[in-house]
Each structure stands twice: as C-alpha cells, then as structure tokens.
Amino acid sequence: MMLIHCPYCEEKRPEIEFAYAGEAHIHRPVKDADDMTDEEWSHFMFLRDNKRGDHAERWWHANGCNMFFNAVRNTVTDKFLVTYKMGELPPKASASNAKLPAAKKTGGAK
C-alpha cells in the first residue's frame, strides 16, 4: 500500500483516502470565457502536459481532512517526491534538485 503525506494533517495516510485532482498550477485564462475562441477554451479545459518524470499534481484528501494540496510525483516510478499546501510554491523535491514544473498560463493574453 502506498502512503501519501498530507501537508495539512502532517502525516502519511493510505492512498485510498486520496483522489487525484489534475495537473497543478493551471492558471485560469485572463479573458472571459465568452471572449475566448473555441480553440482557446478547449486548450484551457482539456489539454495537459501528461509528461513522464517529475510532475506537479493536485490531490484531494477526500477521506481525511477534505483539503486539496499539491504534490510533485514521478509518473514513471509513482513515487511522491514532495507535497505542499495550496497557494505555496513547490519546494525543492529532493537533494538532487530535480527540476520542478513552473506555473504556466493557458489561453488569454499572449
């Protein structure tokens, strides 16, 4: 059984208590949805990096504190490198200074 550290509970809990909630650090478009083209809106809604390796994700402690948090997880090994509270910048994932994903903007102003 995999254990995931919840930064709010400050303890490791079984993975069954958590739910994946998508890629982290996705910014809402600057434009209003009515002012966006269909292509811009679909890019914001559906397109994600889905890359191999270290990846910033959002997780929900559904059967615990009910809080959302961010995590950097290696998608190849399925190992969680670090977890951190919503609104915080990603801390260094490991002593090897693995490159963490930067916040990115989608759609909107260019």
PDB file of N, CA and C in Angstrom:
ATOM      1  N   MET A   1       0.838  -1.174   0.000  1.00  0.00           N
ATOM      2  CA  MET A   1       0.000   0.000   0.000  1.00  0.00           C
ATOM      3  C   MET A   1       0.888   1.245   0.000  1.00  0.00           C
ATOM      4  N   MET A   2       0.538   2.196  -0.870  1.00  0.00           N
ATOM      5  CA  MET A   2       1.280   3.444  -0.939  1.00  0.00           C
ATOM      6  C   MET A   2       0.750   4.399   0.135  1.00  0.00           C
ATOM      7  N   LEU A   3       1.680   5.107   0.790  1.00  0.00           N
ATOM      8  CA  LEU A   3       1.317   6.121   1.764  1.00  0.00           C
ATOM      9  C   LEU A   3       1.626   7.488   1.161  1.00  0.00           C
ATOM     10  N   ILE A   4       0.695   8.425   1.332  1.00  0.00           N
ATOM     11  CA  ILE A   4       0.842   9.777   0.807  1.00  0.00           C
ATOM     12  C   ILE A   4       0.842  10.746   1.979  1.00  0.00           C
ATOM     13  N   HIS A   5       1.804  11.654   1.982  1.00  0.00           N
ATOM     14  CA  HIS A   5       1.893  12.642   3.053  1.00  0.00           C
ATOM     15  C   HIS A   5       0.913  13.782   2.783  1.00  0.00           C
ATOM     16  N   CYS A   6       0.022  14.054   3.745  1.00  0.00           N
ATOM     17  CA  CYS A   6      -0.892  15.193   3.643  1.00  0.00           C
ATOM     18  C   CYS A   6      -0.248  16.366   4.383  1.00  0.00           C
ATOM     19  N   PRO A   7      -0.001  17.490   3.690  1.00  0.00           N
ATOM     20  CA  PRO A   7       0.651  18.616   4.347  1.00  0.00           C
ATOM     21  C   PRO A   7      -0.238  19.320   5.371  1.00  0.00           C
ATOM     22  N   TYR A   8      -1.544  19.073   5.346  1.00  0.00           N
ATOM     23  CA  TYR A   8      -2.449  19.672   6.320  1.00  0.00           C
ATOM     24  C   TYR A   8      -2.556  18.808   7.574  1.00  0.00           C
ATOM     25  N   CYS A   9      -2.710  17.509   7.386  1.00  0.00           N
ATOM     26  CA  CYS A   9      -2.763  16.580   8.522  1.00  0.00           C
ATOM     27  C   CYS A   9      -1.371  16.361   9.116  1.00  0.00           C
ATOM     28  N   GLU A  10      -0.347  16.616   8.297  1.00  0.00           N
ATOM     29  CA  GLU A  10       1.056  16.421   8.656  1.00  0.00           C
ATOM     30  C   GLU A  10       1.355  14.977   9.055  1.00  0.00           C
ATOM     31  N   GLU A  11       0.807  14.059   8.255  1.00  0.00           N
ATOM     32  CA  GLU A  11       1.093  12.638   8.451  1.00  0.00           C
ATOM     33  C   GLU A  11       0.870  11.893   7.146  1.00  0.00           C
ATOM     34  N   LYS A  12       1.448  10.710   7.056  1.00  0.00           N
ATOM     35  CA  LYS A  12       1.259   9.856   5.883  1.00  0.00           C
ATOM     36  C   LYS A  12       0.011   9.015   6.101  1.00  0.00           C
ATOM     37  N   ARG A  13      -0.804   8.953   5.041  1.00  0.00           N
ATOM     38  CA  ARG A  13      -2.057   8.209   5.102  1.00  0.00           C
ATOM     39  C   ARG A  13      -2.144   7.290   3.886  1.00  0.00           C
ATOM     40  N   PRO A  14      -2.956   6.230   3.966  1.00  0.00           N
ATOM     41  CA  PRO A  14      -3.089   5.295   2.832  1.00  0.00           C
ATOM     42  C   PRO A  14      -3.664   5.980   1.591  1.00  0.00           C
ATOM     43  N   GLU A  15      -3.172   5.567   0.435  1.00  0.00           N
ATOM     44  CA  GLU A  15      -3.584   6.184  -0.827  1.00  0.00           C
ATOM     45  C   GLU A  15      -5.092   6.130  -1.053  1.00  0.00           C
ATOM     46  N   ILE A  16      -5.785   5.182  -0.463  1.00  0.00           N
ATOM     47  CA  ILE A  16      -7.233   5.044  -0.659  1.00  0.00           C
ATOM     48  C   ILE A  16      -8.001   6.255  -0.135  1.00  0.00           C
ATOM     49  N   GLU A  17      -7.360   7.043   0.737  1.00  0.00           N
ATOM     50  CA  GLU A  17      -8.004   8.237   1.289  1.00  0.00           C
ATOM     51  C   GLU A  17      -7.946   9.427   0.335  1.00  0.00           C
ATOM     52  N   PHE A  18      -7.177   9.327  -0.742  1.00  0.00           N
ATOM     53  CA  PHE A  18      -6.914  10.461  -1.617  1.00  0.00           C
ATOM     54  C   PHE A  18      -7.513  10.268  -3.000  1.00  0.00           C
ATOM     55  N   ALA A  19      -7.737  11.386  -3.672  1.00  0.00           N
ATOM     56  CA  ALA A  19      -8.209  11.361  -5.059  1.00  0.00           C
ATOM     57  C   ALA A  19      -7.360  12.331  -5.882  1.00  0.00           C
ATOM     58  N   TYR A  20      -6.931  11.873  -7.047  1.00  0.00           N
ATOM     59  CA  TYR A  20      -6.178  12.709  -7.975  1.00  0.00           C
ATOM     60  C   TYR A  20      -7.111  13.803  -8.491  1.00  0.00           C
ATOM     61  N   ALA A  21      -6.615  15.031  -8.569  1.00  0.00           N
ATOM     62  CA  ALA A  21      -7.467  16.147  -8.988  1.00  0.00           C
ATOM     63  C   ALA A  21      -6.867  16.950 -10.144  1.00  0.00           C
ATOM     64  N   GLY A  22      -5.958  16.359 -10.887  1.00  0.00           N
ATOM     65  CA  GLY A  22      -5.446  17.007 -12.086  1.00  0.00           C
ATOM     66  C   GLY A  22      -4.085  17.646 -11.925  1.00  0.00           C
ATOM     67  N   GLU A  23      -3.626  18.241 -13.008  1.00  0.00           N
ATOM     68  CA  GLU A  23      -2.325  18.910 -13.029  1.00  0.00           C
ATOM     69  C   GLU A  23      -2.373  20.164 -12.162  1.00  0.00           C
ATOM     70  N   ALA A  24      -1.310  20.427 -11.444  1.00  0.00           N
ATOM     71  CA  ALA A  24      -1.248  21.605 -10.572  1.00  0.00           C
ATOM     72  C   ALA A  24      -0.779  22.833 -11.338  1.00  0.00           C
ATOM     73  N   HIS A  25      -1.044  23.973 -10.779  1.00  0.00           N
ATOM     74  CA  HIS A  25      -0.554  25.272 -11.262  1.00  0.00           C
ATOM     75  C   HIS A  25      -1.103  25.645 -12.633  1.00  0.00           C
ATOM     76  N   ILE A  26      -2.346  25.280 -12.900  1.00  0.00           N
ATOM     77  CA  ILE A  26      -3.025  25.705 -14.123  1.00  0.00           C
ATOM     78  C   ILE A  26      -3.735  27.020 -13.801  1.00  0.00           C
ATOM     79  N   HIS A  27      -3.385  28.068 -14.515  1.00  0.00           N
ATOM     80  CA  HIS A  27      -3.988  29.376 -14.276  1.00  0.00           C
ATOM     81  C   HIS A  27      -5.196  29.559 -15.177  1.00  0.00           C
ATOM     82  N   ARG A  28      -6.222  30.153 -14.614  1.00  0.00           N
ATOM     83  CA  ARG A  28      -7.410  30.466 -15.415  1.00  0.00           C
ATOM     84  C   ARG A  28      -7.038  31.498 -16.476  1.00  0.00           C
ATOM     85  N   PRO A  29      -7.696  31.447 -17.616  1.00  0.00           N
ATOM     86  CA  PRO A  29      -7.400  32.421 -18.676  1.00  0.00           C
ATOM     87  C   PRO A  29      -7.701  33.850 -18.222  1.00  0.00           C
ATOM     88  N   VAL A  30      -6.964  34.790 -18.790  1.00  0.00           N
ATOM     89  CA  VAL A  30      -7.172  36.201 -18.475  1.00  0.00           C
ATOM     90  C   VAL A  30      -8.497  36.660 -19.083  1.00  0.00           C
ATOM     91  N   LYS A  31      -8.796  36.167 -20.264  1.00  0.00           N
ATOM     92  CA  LYS A  31     -10.034  36.537 -20.949  1.00  0.00           C
ATOM     93  C   LYS A  31     -11.241  35.868 -20.285  1.00  0.00           C
ATOM     94  N   ASP A  32     -12.397  36.492 -20.426  1.00  0.00           N
ATOM     95  CA  ASP A  32     -13.653  35.891 -20.010  1.00  0.00           C
ATOM     96  C   ASP A  32     -13.981  34.768 -20.999  1.00  0.00           C
ATOM     97  N   ALA A  33     -14.641  33.732 -20.535  1.00  0.00           N
ATOM     98  CA  ALA A  33     -14.948  32.579 -21.396  1.00  0.00           C
ATOM     99  C   ALA A  33     -15.718  33.000 -22.650  1.00  0.00           C
ATOM    100  N   ASP A  34     -16.574  34.003 -22.534  1.00  0.00           N
ATOM    101  CA  ASP A  34     -17.349  34.453 -23.692  1.00  0.00           C
ATOM    102  C   ASP A  34     -16.480  35.133 -24.746  1.00  0.00           C
ATOM    103  N   ASP A  35     -15.315  35.639 -24.344  1.00  0.00           N
ATOM    104  CA  ASP A  35     -14.427  36.337 -25.268  1.00  0.00           C
ATOM    105  C   ASP A  35     -13.352  35.427 -25.866  1.00  0.00           C
ATOM    106  N   MET A  36     -13.338  34.165 -25.478  1.00  0.00           N
ATOM    107  CA  MET A  36     -12.324  33.227 -25.963  1.00  0.00           C
ATOM    108  C   MET A  36     -12.830  32.476 -27.181  1.00  0.00           C
ATOM    109  N   THR A  37     -11.900  32.105 -28.045  1.00  0.00           N
ATOM    110  CA  THR A  37     -12.277  31.259 -29.175  1.00  0.00           C
ATOM    111  C   THR A  37     -12.508  29.842 -28.659  1.00  0.00           C
ATOM    112  N   ASP A  38     -13.160  29.032 -29.432  1.00  0.00           N
ATOM    113  CA  ASP A  38     -13.369  27.637 -29.050  1.00  0.00           C
ATOM    114  C   ASP A  38     -12.037  26.924 -28.851  1.00  0.00           C
ATOM    115  N   GLU A  39     -11.056  27.245 -29.690  1.00  0.00           N
ATOM    116  CA  GLU A  39      -9.740  26.618 -29.575  1.00  0.00           C
ATOM    117  C   GLU A  39      -9.060  27.003 -28.254  1.00  0.00           C
ATOM    118  N   GLU A  40      -9.105  28.286 -27.891  1.00  0.00           N
ATOM    119  CA  GLU A  40      -8.509  28.728 -26.627  1.00  0.00           C
ATOM    120  C   GLU A  40      -9.199  28.072 -25.429  1.00  0.00           C
ATOM    121  N   TRP A  41     -10.525  28.013 -25.468  1.00  0.00           N
ATOM    122  CA  TRP A  41     -11.271  27.433 -24.353  1.00  0.00           C
ATOM    123  C   TRP A  41     -11.013  25.930 -24.230  1.00  0.00           C
ATOM    124  N   SER A  42     -11.002  25.224 -25.340  1.00  0.00           N
ATOM    125  CA  SER A  42     -10.757  23.780 -25.268  1.00  0.00           C
ATOM    126  C   SER A  42      -9.325  23.493 -24.817  1.00  0.00           C
ATOM    127  N   HIS A  43      -8.372  24.356 -25.211  1.00  0.00           N
ATOM    128  CA  HIS A  43      -6.992  24.185 -24.746  1.00  0.00           C
ATOM    129  C   HIS A  43      -6.937  24.313 -23.220  1.00  0.00           C
ATOM    130  N   PHE A  44      -7.600  25.317 -22.664  1.00  0.00           N
ATOM    131  CA  PHE A  44      -7.626  25.508 -21.210  1.00  0.00           C
ATOM    132  C   PHE A  44      -8.326  24.337 -20.513  1.00  0.00           C
ATOM    133  N   MET A  45      -9.421  23.895 -21.045  1.00  0.00           N
ATOM    134  CA  MET A  45     -10.227  22.867 -20.374  1.00  0.00           C
ATOM    135  C   MET A  45      -9.639  21.462 -20.460  1.00  0.00           C
ATOM    136  N   PHE A  46      -9.031  21.104 -21.581  1.00  0.00           N
ATOM    137  CA  PHE A  46      -8.725  19.703 -21.812  1.00  0.00           C
ATOM    138  C   PHE A  46      -7.252  19.348 -22.010  1.00  0.00           C
ATOM    139  N   LEU A  47      -6.421  20.250 -22.465  1.00  0.00           N
ATOM    140  CA  LEU A  47      -5.042  19.888 -22.790  1.00  0.00           C
ATOM    141  C   LEU A  47      -4.132  20.039 -21.578  1.00  0.00           C
ATOM    142  N   ARG A  48      -3.411  18.974 -21.266  1.00  0.00           N
ATOM    143  CA  ARG A  48      -2.475  18.964 -20.150  1.00  0.00           C
ATOM    144  C   ARG A  48      -1.170  18.335 -20.617  1.00  0.00           C
ATOM    145  N   ASP A  49      -0.103  18.557 -19.856  1.00  0.00           N
ATOM    146  CA  ASP A  49       1.212  18.069 -20.247  1.00  0.00           C
ATOM    147  C   ASP A  49       1.302  16.546 -20.264  1.00  0.00           C
ATOM    148  N   ASN A  50       0.863  15.877 -19.203  1.00  0.00           N
ATOM    149  CA  ASN A  50       0.890  14.418 -19.116  1.00  0.00           C
ATOM    150  C   ASN A  50       2.265  13.855 -19.479  1.00  0.00           C
ATOM    151  N   LYS A  51       3.288  14.456 -18.880  1.00  0.00           N
ATOM    152  CA  LYS A  51       4.653  14.068 -19.229  1.00  0.00           C
ATOM    153  C   LYS A  51       5.189  12.966 -18.321  1.00  0.00           C
ATOM    154  N   ARG A  52       6.242  12.318 -18.769  1.00  0.00           N
ATOM    155  CA  ARG A  52       6.937  11.308 -17.968  1.00  0.00           C
ATOM    156  C   ARG A  52       7.902  12.013 -17.035  1.00  0.00           C
ATOM    157  N   GLY A  53       8.051  11.472 -15.834  1.00  0.00           N
ATOM    158  CA  GLY A  53       9.002  12.042 -14.885  1.00  0.00           C
ATOM    159  C   GLY A  53       8.314  12.864 -13.814  1.00  0.00           C
ATOM    160  N   ASP A  54       9.047  13.821 -13.236  1.00  0.00           N
ATOM    161  CA  ASP A  54       8.517  14.640 -12.147  1.00  0.00           C
ATOM    162  C   ASP A  54       7.423  15.556 -12.678  1.00  0.00           C
ATOM    163  N   HIS A  55       6.291  15.545 -11.994  1.00  0.00           N
ATOM    164  CA  HIS A  55       5.094  16.225 -12.484  1.00  0.00           C
ATOM    165  C   HIS A  55       4.334  16.812 -11.305  1.00  0.00           C
ATOM    166  N   ALA A  56       3.991  18.105 -11.369  1.00  0.00           N
ATOM    167  CA  ALA A  56       3.213  18.745 -10.298  1.00  0.00           C
ATOM    168  C   ALA A  56       1.739  18.414 -10.485  1.00  0.00           C
ATOM    169  N   GLU A  57       1.131  17.900  -9.425  1.00  0.00           N
ATOM    170  CA  GLU A  57      -0.262  17.468  -9.480  1.00  0.00           C
ATOM    171  C   GLU A  57      -1.032  18.039  -8.289  1.00  0.00           C
ATOM    172  N   ARG A  58      -2.342  18.092  -8.444  1.00  0.00           N
ATOM    173  CA  ARG A  58      -3.226  18.491  -7.356  1.00  0.00           C
ATOM    174  C   ARG A  58      -3.899  17.222  -6.834  1.00  0.00           C
ATOM    175  N   TRP A  59      -3.963  17.086  -5.508  1.00  0.00           N
ATOM    176  CA  TRP A  59      -4.589  15.929  -4.872  1.00  0.00           C
ATOM    177  C   TRP A  59      -5.596  16.403  -3.837  1.00  0.00           C
ATOM    178  N   TRP A  60      -6.587  15.561  -3.574  1.00  0.00           N
ATOM    179  CA  TRP A  60      -7.644  15.866  -2.610  1.00  0.00           C
ATOM    180  C   TRP A  60      -7.647  14.794  -1.536  1.00  0.00           C
ATOM    181  N   HIS A  61      -7.559  15.201  -0.268  1.00  0.00           N
ATOM    182  CA  HIS A  61      -7.631  14.250   0.844  1.00  0.00           C
ATOM    183  C   HIS A  61      -9.110  14.033   1.168  1.00  0.00           C
ATOM    184  N   ALA A  62      -9.769  13.304   0.292  1.00  0.00           N
ATOM    185  CA  ALA A  62     -11.224  13.142   0.324  1.00  0.00           C
ATOM    186  C   ALA A  62     -11.731  12.453   1.589  1.00  0.00           C
ATOM    187  N   ASN A  63     -11.028  11.451   2.059  1.00  0.00           N
ATOM    188  CA  ASN A  63     -11.480  10.705   3.231  1.00  0.00           C
ATOM    189  C   ASN A  63     -10.630  11.028   4.453  1.00  0.00           C
ATOM    190  N   GLY A  64     -10.231  12.281   4.539  1.00  0.00           N
ATOM    191  CA  GLY A  64      -9.423  12.739   5.672  1.00  0.00           C
ATOM    192  C   GLY A  64      -9.833  14.150   6.017  1.00  0.00           C
ATOM    193  N   CYS A  65      -8.915  15.089   5.851  1.00  0.00           N
ATOM    194  CA  CYS A  65      -9.174  16.486   6.211  1.00  0.00           C
ATOM    195  C   CYS A  65     -10.014  17.234   5.172  1.00  0.00           C
ATOM    196  N   ASN A  66     -10.254  16.618   4.009  1.00  0.00           N
ATOM    197  CA  ASN A  66     -11.063  17.189   2.933  1.00  0.00           C
ATOM    198  C   ASN A  66     -10.396  18.405   2.272  1.00  0.00           C
ATOM    199  N   MET A  67      -9.080  18.500   2.352  1.00  0.00           N
ATOM    200  CA  MET A  67      -8.356  19.628   1.784  1.00  0.00           C
ATOM    201  C   MET A  67      -7.648  19.212   0.489  1.00  0.00           C
ATOM    202  N   PHE A  68      -7.509  20.175  -0.429  1.00  0.00           N
ATOM    203  CA  PHE A  68      -6.719  19.981  -1.635  1.00  0.00           C
ATOM    204  C   PHE A  68      -5.285  20.409  -1.349  1.00  0.00           C
ATOM    205  N   PHE A  69      -4.332  19.725  -1.968  1.00  0.00           N
ATOM    206  CA  PHE A  69      -2.922  20.089  -1.842  1.00  0.00           C
ATOM    207  C   PHE A  69      -2.218  19.739  -3.129  1.00  0.00           C
ATOM    208  N   ASN A  70      -1.000  20.221  -3.273  1.00  0.00           N
ATOM    209  CA  ASN A  70      -0.192  19.926  -4.448  1.00  0.00           C
ATOM    210  C   ASN A  70       0.890  18.913  -4.095  1.00  0.00           C
ATOM    211  N   ALA A  71       1.322  18.194  -5.091  1.00  0.00           N
ATOM    212  CA  ALA A  71       2.384  17.208  -4.906  1.00  0.00           C
ATOM    213  C   ALA A  71       3.228  17.147  -6.167  1.00  0.00           C
ATOM    214  N   VAL A  72       4.492  16.836  -5.998  1.00  0.00           N
ATOM    215  CA  VAL A  72       5.345  16.519  -7.141  1.00  0.00           C
ATOM    216  C   VAL A  72       5.542  15.012  -7.082  1.00  0.00           C
ATOM    217  N   ARG A  73       5.097  14.341  -8.150  1.00  0.00           N
ATOM    218  CA  ARG A  73       5.151  12.883  -8.212  1.00  0.00           C
ATOM    219  C   ARG A  73       5.869  12.480  -9.485  1.00  0.00           C
ATOM    220  N   ASN A  74       6.701  11.469  -9.388  1.00  0.00           N
ATOM    221  CA  ASN A  74       7.355  10.925 -10.567  1.00  0.00           C
ATOM    222  C   ASN A  74       6.385   9.950 -11.214  1.00  0.00           C
ATOM    223  N   THR A  75       5.995  10.233 -12.448  1.00  0.00           N
ATOM    224  CA  THR A  75       4.984   9.405 -13.110  1.00  0.00           C
ATOM    225  C   THR A  75       5.532   8.075 -13.611  1.00  0.00           C
ATOM    226  N   VAL A  76       6.841   7.923 -13.618  1.00  0.00           N
ATOM    227  CA  VAL A  76       7.446   6.654 -14.029  1.00  0.00           C
ATOM    228  C   VAL A  76       7.510   5.691 -12.836  1.00  0.00           C
ATOM    229  N   THR A  77       7.991   6.192 -11.702  1.00  0.00           N
ATOM    230  CA  THR A  77       8.152   5.344 -10.510  1.00  0.00           C
ATOM    231  C   THR A  77       6.938   5.390  -9.589  1.00  0.00           C
ATOM    232  N   ASP A  78       6.033   6.353  -9.796  1.00  0.00           N
ATOM    233  CA  ASP A  78       4.854   6.581  -8.968  1.00  0.00           C
ATOM    234  C   ASP A  78       5.229   7.036  -7.559  1.00  0.00           C
ATOM    235  N   LYS A  79       6.441   7.551  -7.400  1.00  0.00           N
ATOM    236  CA  LYS A  79       6.910   7.990  -6.086  1.00  0.00           C
ATOM    237  C   LYS A  79       6.601   9.472  -5.892  1.00  0.00           C
ATOM    238  N   PHE A  80       6.035   9.801  -4.718  1.00  0.00           N
ATOM    239  CA  PHE A  80       5.802  11.189  -4.353  1.00  0.00           C
ATOM    240  C   PHE A  80       7.107  11.776  -3.840  1.00  0.00           C
ATOM    241  N   LEU A  81       7.562  12.862  -4.464  1.00  0.00           N
ATOM    242  CA  LEU A  81       8.815  13.500  -4.071  1.00  0.00           C
ATOM    243  C   LEU A  81       8.586  14.524  -2.971  1.00  0.00           C
ATOM    244  N   VAL A  82       7.477  15.255  -3.060  1.00  0.00           N
ATOM    245  CA  VAL A  82       7.162  16.278  -2.065  1.00  0.00           C
ATOM    246  C   VAL A  82       5.674  16.617  -2.160  1.00  0.00           C
ATOM    247  N   THR A  83       5.091  16.996  -1.034  1.00  0.00           N
ATOM    248  CA  THR A  83       3.719  17.519  -1.020  1.00  0.00           C
ATOM    249  C   THR A  83       3.768  18.887  -0.361  1.00  0.00           C
ATOM    250  N   TYR A  84       2.859  19.774  -0.762  1.00  0.00           N
ATOM    251  CA  TYR A  84       2.837  21.120  -0.205  1.00  0.00           C
ATOM    252  C   TYR A  84       1.434  21.698  -0.313  1.00  0.00           C
ATOM    253  N   LYS A  85       1.145  22.655   0.565  1.00  0.00           N
ATOM    254  CA  LYS A  85      -0.195  23.234   0.651  1.00  0.00           C
ATOM    255  C   LYS A  85      -0.525  24.069  -0.583  1.00  0.00           C
ATOM    256  N   MET A  86      -1.809  24.174  -0.859  1.00  0.00           N
ATOM    257  CA  MET A  86      -2.277  25.007  -1.962  1.00  0.00           C
ATOM    258  C   MET A  86      -1.824  26.445  -1.728  1.00  0.00           C
ATOM    259  N   GLY A  87      -1.459  27.118  -2.795  1.00  0.00           N
ATOM    260  CA  GLY A  87      -1.023  28.501  -2.701  1.00  0.00           C
ATOM    261  C   GLY A  87       0.462  28.664  -2.437  1.00  0.00           C
ATOM    262  N   GLU A  88       1.138  27.580  -2.068  1.00  0.00           N
ATOM    263  CA  GLU A  88       2.582  27.641  -1.837  1.00  0.00           C
ATOM    264  C   GLU A  88       3.327  27.302  -3.121  1.00  0.00           C
ATOM    265  N   LEU A  89       4.534  27.834  -3.244  1.00  0.00           N
ATOM    266  CA  LEU A  89       5.383  27.459  -4.374  1.00  0.00           C
ATOM    267  C   LEU A  89       5.962  26.076  -4.119  1.00  0.00           C
ATOM    268  N   PRO A  90       6.248  25.332  -5.169  1.00  0.00           N
ATOM    269  CA  PRO A  90       6.820  23.991  -4.968  1.00  0.00           C
ATOM    270  C   PRO A  90       8.187  24.078  -4.302  1.00  0.00           C
ATOM    271  N   PRO A  91       8.386  23.376  -3.186  1.00  0.00           N
ATOM    272  CA  PRO A  91       9.721  23.334  -2.585  1.00  0.00           C
ATOM    273  C   PRO A  91      10.632  22.444  -3.415  1.00  0.00           C
ATOM    274  N   LYS A  92      11.908  22.427  -3.100  1.00  0.00           N
ATOM    275  CA  LYS A  92      12.821  21.534  -3.805  1.00  0.00           C
ATOM    276  C   LYS A  92      12.405  20.105  -3.519  1.00  0.00           C
ATOM    277  N   ALA A  93      12.285  19.305  -4.580  1.00  0.00           N
ATOM    278  CA  ALA A  93      11.762  17.955  -4.458  1.00  0.00           C
ATOM    279  C   ALA A  93      12.742  17.000  -3.804  1.00  0.00           C
ATOM    280  N   SER A  94      14.016  17.210  -4.034  1.00  0.00           N
ATOM    281  CA  SER A  94      14.986  16.267  -3.493  1.00  0.00           C
ATOM    282  C   SER A  94      16.356  16.917  -3.441  1.00  0.00           C
ATOM    283  N   ALA A  95      17.282  16.216  -2.844  1.00  0.00           N
ATOM    284  CA  ALA A  95      18.648  16.730  -2.751  1.00  0.00           C
ATOM    285  C   ALA A  95      19.273  16.875  -4.131  1.00  0.00           C
ATOM    286  N   SER A  96      18.774  16.138  -5.100  1.00  0.00           N
ATOM    287  CA  SER A  96      19.327  16.214  -6.450  1.00  0.00           C
ATOM    288  C   SER A  96      18.804  17.433  -7.211  1.00  0.00           C
ATOM    289  N   ASN A  97      17.964  18.245  -6.551  1.00  0.00           N
ATOM    290  CA  ASN A  97      17.393  19.446  -7.158  1.00  0.00           C
ATOM    291  C   ASN A  97      16.683  19.148  -8.472  1.00  0.00           C
ATOM    292  N   ALA A  98      15.806  18.178  -8.434  1.00  0.00           N
ATOM    293  CA  ALA A  98      15.029  17.832  -9.622  1.00  0.00           C
ATOM    294  C   ALA A  98      14.289  19.068 -10.110  1.00  0.00           C
ATOM    295  N   LYS A  99      14.223  19.249 -11.398  1.00  0.00           N
ATOM    296  CA  LYS A  99      13.557  20.412 -11.967  1.00  0.00           C
ATOM    297  C   LYS A  99      12.061  20.308 -11.707  1.00  0.00           C
ATOM    298  N   LEU A 100      11.528  21.323 -11.026  1.00  0.00           N
ATOM    299  CA  LEU A 100      10.107  21.345 -10.732  1.00  0.00           C
ATOM    300  C   LEU A 100       9.382  22.133 -11.800  1.00  0.00           C
ATOM    301  N   PRO A 101       8.151  21.770 -12.078  1.00  0.00           N
ATOM    302  CA  PRO A 101       7.408  22.480 -13.107  1.00  0.00           C
ATOM    303  C   PRO A 101       7.114  23.914 -12.666  1.00  0.00           C
ATOM    304  N   ALA A 102       7.235  24.837 -13.581  1.00  0.00           N
ATOM    305  CA  ALA A 102       6.901  26.227 -13.296  1.00  0.00           C
ATOM    306  C   ALA A 102       5.420  26.430 -13.539  1.00  0.00           C
ATOM    307  N   ALA A 103       4.860  27.398 -12.855  1.00  0.00           N
ATOM    308  CA  ALA A 103       3.454  27.720 -13.085  1.00  0.00           C
ATOM    309  C   ALA A 103       3.310  28.168 -14.528  1.00  0.00           C
ATOM    310  N   LYS A 104       2.232  27.770 -15.155  1.00  0.00           N
ATOM    311  CA  LYS A 104       2.058  28.141 -16.555  1.00  0.00           C
ATOM    312  C   LYS A 104       0.701  28.772 -16.768  1.00  0.00           C
ATOM    313  N   LYS A 105       0.623  29.588 -17.773  1.00  0.00           N
ATOM    314  CA  LYS A 105      -0.625  30.254 -18.106  1.00  0.00           C
ATOM    315  C   LYS A 105      -1.174  29.607 -19.362  1.00  0.00           C
ATOM    316  N   THR A 106      -2.499  29.507 -19.409  1.00  0.00           N
ATOM    317  CA  THR A 106      -3.119  28.924 -20.596  1.00  0.00           C
ATOM    318  C   THR A 106      -4.111  29.918 -21.168  1.00  0.00           C
ATOM    319  N   GLY A 107      -4.191  29.959 -22.481  1.00  0.00           N
ATOM    320  CA  GLY A 107      -5.149  30.824 -23.150  1.00  0.00           C
ATOM    321  C   GLY A 107      -4.907  32.288 -22.823  1.00  0.00           C
ATOM    322  N   GLY A 108      -5.877  33.133 -23.140  1.00  0.00           N
ATOM    323  CA  GLY A 108      -5.818  34.532 -22.747  1.00  0.00           C
ATOM    324  C   GLY A 108      -4.733  35.324 -23.441  1.00  0.00           C
ATOM    325  N   ALA A 109      -4.196  36.313 -22.725  1.00  0.00           N
ATOM    326  CA  ALA A 109      -3.230  37.230 -23.298  1.00  0.00           C
ATOM    327  C   ALA A 109      -1.957  36.518 -23.752  1.00  0.00           C
ATOM    328  N   LYS A 110      -1.352  37.073 -24.770  1.00  0.00           N
ATOM    329  CA  LYS A 110      -0.138  36.467 -25.311  1.00  0.00           C
ATOM    330  C   LYS A 110       1.062  37.292 -24.986  1.00  0.00           C
TER     331      LYS A 110
END
